[in-house]
Every structure is written in structure tokens, then in C-alpha cells.
Amino acid sequence: MAKVVIDGKCPYCGSAQGYMQRYVQSVTQYYGFEGEPIEASVVNHRGGTKKYCSNCERKLIIPNNQTEK
């Protein structure tokens, strides 16, 4: 069960480092015939709905008033 972030710190480890979201993506890199990169295409397939502590990687609940700052 995820815990709520209070005072901008992880309730598990106490870190104020922030949070991360995980995504499953496909990346396609295009190259010219000389080997130089031309452009890249990134497609998100799923994810980005859960938030995790950047330090201990445990699932968090972040209240709306902390994400709107």
C-alpha cells in the first residue's frame, strides 16, 4: 500500500530528492548514410500513472497541492 507524501519528503526513507514515473516506450533512431543521427521518434505505450520515490523507489501518493507548485 502506498503512503502519502507529507512536507515534501518520502514517508519511507525521508528523502526530499523527489519522485519518478515509469514508462514503457519504443524509441526509433533514424540515421543518414554517413552514420549521423537525423531524428528520433519516441512512443509511450503505457505507464506514467504511478509515482515512486527517486531514492528508495517505493510507490507514493502525492497530494494535488504538492504537484501544482
C-alpha atoms as a PDB file:
ATOM      1  CA  MET A   1       0.000   0.000   0.000  1.00  0.00           C
ATOM      2  CA  ALA A   2       1.407   3.389  -0.988  1.00  0.00           C
ATOM      3  CA  LYS A   3       1.863   6.118   1.619  1.00  0.00           C
ATOM      4  CA  VAL A   4       1.091   9.820   1.250  1.00  0.00           C
ATOM      5  CA  VAL A   5       3.947  12.320   0.891  1.00  0.00           C
ATOM      6  CA  ILE A   6       3.861  14.884   3.716  1.00  0.00           C
ATOM      7  CA  ASP A   7       6.030  18.039   3.880  1.00  0.00           C
ATOM      8  CA  GLY A   8       7.756  17.164   0.595  1.00  0.00           C
ATOM      9  CA  LYS A   9       9.566  14.086   1.961  1.00  0.00           C
ATOM     10  CA  CYS A  10       9.233  10.372   1.255  1.00  0.00           C
ATOM     11  CA  PRO A  11       7.317   8.700   4.122  1.00  0.00           C
ATOM     12  CA  TYR A  12       9.502   5.587   3.770  1.00  0.00           C
ATOM     13  CA  CYS A  13      13.110   6.869   3.612  1.00  0.00           C
ATOM     14  CA  GLY A  14      12.725  10.602   4.411  1.00  0.00           C
ATOM     15  CA  SER A  15      14.348  11.730   1.154  1.00  0.00           C
ATOM     16  CA  ALA A  16      13.409  15.146  -0.286  1.00  0.00           C
ATOM     17  CA  GLN A  17      15.011  14.223  -3.638  1.00  0.00           C
ATOM     18  CA  GLY A  18      11.672  13.934  -5.474  1.00  0.00           C
ATOM     19  CA  TYR A  19       9.745  11.291  -7.355  1.00  0.00           C
ATOM     20  CA  MET A  20       9.809   9.492 -10.692  1.00  0.00           C
ATOM     21  CA  GLN A  21       7.303   7.896 -13.048  1.00  0.00           C
ATOM     22  CA  ARG A  22       7.999   4.794 -15.122  1.00  0.00           C
ATOM     23  CA  TYR A  23       7.015   4.390 -18.770  1.00  0.00           C
ATOM     24  CA  VAL A  24       7.236   1.633 -21.375  1.00  0.00           C
ATOM     25  CA  GLN A  25       8.432   3.250 -24.598  1.00  0.00           C
ATOM     26  CA  SER A  26       9.590   2.485 -28.108  1.00  0.00           C
ATOM     27  CA  VAL A  27      12.399   4.647 -29.465  1.00  0.00           C
ATOM     28  CA  THR A  28      13.294   4.707 -33.141  1.00  0.00           C
ATOM     29  CA  GLN A  29      16.536   6.479 -34.093  1.00  0.00           C
ATOM     30  CA  TYR A  30      16.992   7.489 -37.750  1.00  0.00           C
ATOM     31  CA  TYR A  31      20.481   7.851 -39.292  1.00  0.00           C
ATOM     32  CA  GLY A  32      21.881   9.259 -42.511  1.00  0.00           C
ATOM     33  CA  PHE A  33      24.088   7.022 -44.689  1.00  0.00           C
ATOM     34  CA  GLU A  34      27.171   8.707 -43.225  1.00  0.00           C
ATOM     35  CA  GLY A  35      26.159   7.496 -39.740  1.00  0.00           C
ATOM     36  CA  GLU A  36      24.990  10.840 -38.351  1.00  0.00           C
ATOM     37  CA  PRO A  37      21.742  10.837 -36.320  1.00  0.00           C
ATOM     38  CA  ILE A  38      18.898  12.607 -38.150  1.00  0.00           C
ATOM     39  CA  GLU A  39      15.928  12.377 -35.785  1.00  0.00           C
ATOM     40  CA  ALA A  40      14.341  10.159 -33.147  1.00  0.00           C
ATOM     41  CA  SER A  41      10.783   9.061 -32.591  1.00  0.00           C
ATOM     42  CA  VAL A  42       9.528   8.167 -29.076  1.00  0.00           C
ATOM     43  CA  VAL A  43       6.182   6.428 -28.474  1.00  0.00           C
ATOM     44  CA  ASN A  44       4.810   5.879 -24.948  1.00  0.00           C
ATOM     45  CA  HIS A  45       2.931   2.594 -24.738  1.00  0.00           C
ATOM     46  CA  ARG A  46       1.860   2.677 -21.105  1.00  0.00           C
ATOM     47  CA  GLY A  47       2.835   3.924 -17.669  1.00  0.00           C
ATOM     48  CA  GLY A  48       3.235   7.274 -16.018  1.00  0.00           C
ATOM     49  CA  THR A  49       0.260   6.790 -13.723  1.00  0.00           C
ATOM     50  CA  LYS A  50       2.135   5.734 -10.564  1.00  0.00           C
ATOM     51  CA  LYS A  51       4.740   7.782  -8.724  1.00  0.00           C
ATOM     52  CA  TYR A  52       7.811   6.329  -6.993  1.00  0.00           C
ATOM     53  CA  CYS A  53      10.408   7.844  -4.624  1.00  0.00           C
ATOM     54  CA  SER A  54      13.596   8.619  -6.611  1.00  0.00           C
ATOM     55  CA  ASN A  55      15.702   7.367  -3.706  1.00  0.00           C
ATOM     56  CA  CYS A  56      14.061   4.153  -2.393  1.00  0.00           C
ATOM     57  CA  GLU A  57      11.739   3.524  -5.415  1.00  0.00           C
ATOM     58  CA  ARG A  58       8.687   2.765  -3.273  1.00  0.00           C
ATOM     59  CA  LYS A  59       5.218   3.721  -4.513  1.00  0.00           C
ATOM     60  CA  LEU A  60       3.908   7.111  -3.311  1.00  0.00           C
ATOM     61  CA  ILE A  61       0.678   9.070  -3.246  1.00  0.00           C
ATOM     62  CA  ILE A  62       1.305  12.761  -3.914  1.00  0.00           C
ATOM     63  CA  PRO A  63      -1.497  15.157  -2.940  1.00  0.00           C
ATOM     64  CA  ASN A  64      -2.618  17.604  -5.666  1.00  0.00           C
ATOM     65  CA  ASN A  65      -1.476  20.697  -3.755  1.00  0.00           C
ATOM     66  CA  GLN A  66       2.159  19.444  -3.829  1.00  0.00           C
ATOM     67  CA  THR A  67       2.247  18.800  -7.602  1.00  0.00           C
ATOM     68  CA  GLU A  68       0.708  22.175  -8.559  1.00  0.00           C
ATOM     69  CA  LYS A  69       3.508  24.330  -7.053  1.00  0.00           C
END
